[in-house]
C-alpha atoms as a PDB file:
ATOM      1  CA  ALA A   1      -0.001  -0.005  -0.024  1.00  0.00           C
ATOM      2  CA  VAL A   2       1.187   3.415  -0.786  1.00  0.00           C
ATOM      3  CA  VAL A   3       1.079   5.967   2.088  1.00  0.00           C
ATOM      4  CA  SER A   4       0.170   9.496   0.908  1.00  0.00           C
ATOM      5  CA  THR A   5       2.141  12.257   2.736  1.00  0.00           C
ATOM      6  CA  GLN A   6      -0.405  14.847   1.724  1.00  0.00           C
ATOM      7  CA  SER A   7      -3.536  15.161   4.037  1.00  0.00           C
ATOM      8  CA  THR A   8      -6.858  14.964   2.401  1.00  0.00           C
ATOM      9  CA  GLY A   9      -8.289  17.967   4.532  1.00  0.00           C
ATOM     10  CA  THR A  10      -7.251  21.527   3.902  1.00  0.00           C
ATOM     11  CA  TYR A  11      -4.601  22.698   6.296  1.00  0.00           C
ATOM     12  CA  ASN A  12      -3.572  26.263   6.530  1.00  0.00           C
ATOM     13  CA  SER A  13      -0.336  26.440   8.484  1.00  0.00           C
ATOM     14  CA  GLN A  14      -0.615  30.233   8.838  1.00  0.00           C
ATOM     15  CA  LYS A  15      -3.925  30.025  10.565  1.00  0.00           C
ATOM     16  CA  GLU A  16      -2.536  27.209  12.743  1.00  0.00           C
ATOM     17  CA  LYS A  17       0.429  29.492  13.756  1.00  0.00           C
ATOM     18  CA  GLU A  18      -1.984  32.357  14.632  1.00  0.00           C
ATOM     19  CA  ARG A  19      -4.224  30.038  16.722  1.00  0.00           C
ATOM     20  CA  LEU A  20      -1.157  28.730  18.653  1.00  0.00           C
ATOM     21  CA  ASN A  21       0.152  32.262  19.156  1.00  0.00           C
ATOM     22  CA  ASP A  22      -3.204  33.353  20.457  1.00  0.00           C
ATOM     23  CA  ILE A  23      -2.974  30.313  22.930  1.00  0.00           C
ATOM     24  CA  LEU A  24       0.359  31.465  24.103  1.00  0.00           C
ATOM     25  CA  VAL A  25      -0.418  35.175  24.257  1.00  0.00           C
ATOM     26  CA  PHE A  26      -4.099  35.068  25.688  1.00  0.00           C
ATOM     27  CA  GLY A  27      -4.300  31.554  27.172  1.00  0.00           C
ATOM     28  CA  THR A  28      -6.970  30.645  24.581  1.00  0.00           C
ATOM     29  CA  ASP A  29      -7.666  30.479  21.101  1.00  0.00           C
ATOM     30  CA  LYS A  30     -11.192  31.733  21.501  1.00  0.00           C
ATOM     31  CA  PRO A  31     -11.895  35.259  20.493  1.00  0.00           C
ATOM     32  CA  ILE A  32     -11.575  37.570  23.401  1.00  0.00           C
ATOM     33  CA  PRO A  33     -14.511  39.893  23.888  1.00  0.00           C
ATOM     34  CA  LYS A  34     -13.528  43.521  23.173  1.00  0.00           C
ATOM     35  CA  PRO A  35     -13.904  45.860  26.269  1.00  0.00           C
ATOM     36  CA  LYS A  36     -16.932  48.224  26.090  1.00  0.00           C
ATOM     37  CA  PRO A  37     -15.814  51.795  25.372  1.00  0.00           C
ATOM     38  CA  LEU A  38     -15.952  54.002  28.505  1.00  0.00           C
ATOM     39  CA  PRO A  39     -18.432  56.831  28.210  1.00  0.00           C
ATOM     40  CA  ALA A  40     -16.856  60.093  27.298  1.00  0.00           C
ATOM     41  CA  ILE A  41     -16.236  62.266  30.224  1.00  0.00           C
ATOM     42  CA  VAL A  42     -17.453  65.737  29.244  1.00  0.00           C
ATOM     43  CA  LYS A  43     -15.624  68.374  31.222  1.00  0.00           C
ATOM     44  CA  PRO A  44     -17.482  71.702  31.513  1.00  0.00           C
ATOM     45  CA  PRO A  45     -15.615  74.377  29.570  1.00  0.00           C
ATOM     46  CA  LYS A  46     -13.013  76.140  31.690  1.00  0.00           C
ATOM     47  CA  ASP A  47     -13.961  79.579  32.719  1.00  0.00           C
ATOM     48  CA  ARG A  48     -11.942  82.171  30.776  1.00  0.00           C
ATOM     49  CA  PHE A  49     -11.537  84.265  33.939  1.00  0.00           C
ATOM     50  CA  ASP A  50      -9.854  81.301  35.769  1.00  0.00           C
ATOM     51  CA  GLU A  51      -7.816  80.638  32.675  1.00  0.00           C
ATOM     52  CA  ILE A  52      -6.419  84.170  32.770  1.00  0.00           C
ATOM     53  CA  GLN A  53      -5.718  83.869  36.482  1.00  0.00           C
ATOM     54  CA  GLU A  54      -3.766  80.768  35.835  1.00  0.00           C
ATOM     55  CA  GLU A  55      -1.783  82.534  32.979  1.00  0.00           C
ATOM     56  CA  ILE A  56      -0.862  85.461  35.303  1.00  0.00           C
ATOM     57  CA  ASP A  57       0.220  83.056  37.945  1.00  0.00           C
ATOM     58  CA  GLU A  58       2.481  81.311  35.430  1.00  0.00           C
ATOM     59  CA  ARG A  59       3.927  84.554  34.277  1.00  0.00           C
ATOM     60  CA  ARG A  60       4.741  85.669  37.855  1.00  0.00           C
ATOM     61  CA  GLU A  61       6.282  82.275  38.596  1.00  0.00           C
ATOM     62  CA  PHE A  62       8.393  82.687  35.488  1.00  0.00           C
ATOM     63  CA  LEU A  63       9.539  86.074  36.638  1.00  0.00           C
ATOM     64  CA  ARG A  64      10.473  84.722  40.003  1.00  0.00           C
ATOM     65  CA  GLU A  65      12.474  81.897  38.371  1.00  0.00           C
ATOM     66  CA  MET A  66      14.310  84.445  36.129  1.00  0.00           C
ATOM     67  CA  GLU A  67      15.063  86.584  39.253  1.00  0.00           C
ATOM     68  CA  SER A  68      16.615  83.570  40.850  1.00  0.00           C
ATOM     69  CA  LEU A  69      18.821  82.940  37.890  1.00  0.00           C
ATOM     70  CA  GLY A  70      19.646  86.733  37.702  1.00  0.00           C
ATOM     71  CA  GLN A  71      17.942  87.214  34.254  1.00  0.00           C
ATOM     72  CA  ALA A  72      14.837  88.918  35.319  1.00  0.00           C
ATOM     73  CA  ASP A  73      15.741  92.287  33.901  1.00  0.00           C
ATOM     74  CA  GLU A  74      15.665  91.040  30.244  1.00  0.00           C
ATOM     75  CA  HIS A  75      12.167  89.517  30.787  1.00  0.00           C
ATOM     76  CA  ARG A  76      10.557  91.808  33.280  1.00  0.00           C
ATOM     77  CA  GLN A  77       8.966  94.512  30.857  1.00  0.00           C
ATOM     78  CA  ARG A  78       7.578  91.803  28.621  1.00  0.00           C
ATOM     79  CA  ILE A  79       6.053  89.720  31.244  1.00  0.00           C
ATOM     80  CA  GLU A  80       4.587  92.699  33.169  1.00  0.00           C
ATOM     81  CA  THR A  81       2.973  93.935  29.754  1.00  0.00           C
ATOM     82  CA  GLU A  82       1.458  90.542  29.362  1.00  0.00           C
ATOM     83  CA  ILE A  83       0.154  90.556  32.970  1.00  0.00           C
ATOM     84  CA  SER A  84      -1.306  93.959  32.599  1.00  0.00           C
ATOM     85  CA  GLN A  85      -3.113  93.007  29.284  1.00  0.00           C
ATOM     86  CA  TYR A  86      -4.494  89.947  31.165  1.00  0.00           C
ATOM     87  CA  ILE A  87      -5.752  92.037  33.978  1.00  0.00           C
ATOM     88  CA  ARG A  88      -7.524  94.380  31.538  1.00  0.00           C
ATOM     89  CA  GLU A  89      -9.215  91.276  29.947  1.00  0.00           C
ATOM     90  CA  MET A  90     -10.238  90.146  33.296  1.00  0.00           C
ATOM     91  CA  GLU A  91     -11.723  93.573  34.063  1.00  0.00           C
ATOM     92  CA  VAL A  92     -13.766  93.428  30.896  1.00  0.00           C
ATOM     93  CA  ILE A  93     -15.092  90.018  31.751  1.00  0.00           C
ATOM     94  CA  ASP A  94     -15.836  91.321  35.333  1.00  0.00           C
ATOM     95  CA  ARG A  95     -17.876  94.255  33.952  1.00  0.00           C
ATOM     96  CA  LYS A  96     -19.815  92.021  31.631  1.00  0.00           C
ATOM     97  CA  ARG A  97     -20.687  89.679  34.537  1.00  0.00           C
ATOM     98  CA  ASN A  98     -21.808  92.568  36.715  1.00  0.00           C
ATOM     99  CA  GLN A  99     -24.052  93.947  34.049  1.00  0.00           C
ATOM    100  CA  GLU A 100     -25.527  90.469  33.562  1.00  0.00           C
ATOM    101  CA  LEU A 101     -26.110  90.236  37.329  1.00  0.00           C
ATOM    102  CA  LEU A 102     -27.714  93.602  37.439  1.00  0.00           C
ATOM    103  CA  LYS A 103     -30.052  92.668  34.632  1.00  0.00           C
ATOM    104  CA  LEU A 104     -31.013  89.377  36.380  1.00  0.00           C
ATOM    105  CA  LYS A 105     -31.737  91.296  39.578  1.00  0.00           C
ATOM    106  CA  GLU A 106     -33.932  93.806  37.776  1.00  0.00           C
ATOM    107  CA  THR A 107     -35.956  91.061  36.072  1.00  0.00           C
ATOM    108  CA  LYS A 108     -36.475  89.343  39.279  1.00  0.00           C
ATOM    109  CA  ALA A 109     -37.527  92.429  41.037  1.00  0.00           C
ATOM    110  CA  ASP A 110     -40.207  92.985  38.536  1.00  0.00           C
END
């Protein structure tokens, strides 16, 4: 009798390699369920007034660092100008908010 070295079924060596690799990596050759996506956490938009305050704090900290390095003189005017511009922007925001509050008080008083 002649023994055939070819199998009668279809054998895909690449698929078998992938299956064995999955067993090594994941401990099983069964498909692993994909994790459910987490719900997106929506952060409320940051208040511009608070953002400006943080910018001012960062500029002041930078200026302190430059003072400790002895380089404050070359940065002082630019940083102080930026800070004064931020303060003006904060004043505009503050005025608008005060006007809105006054309008709300007037409508509630009616």
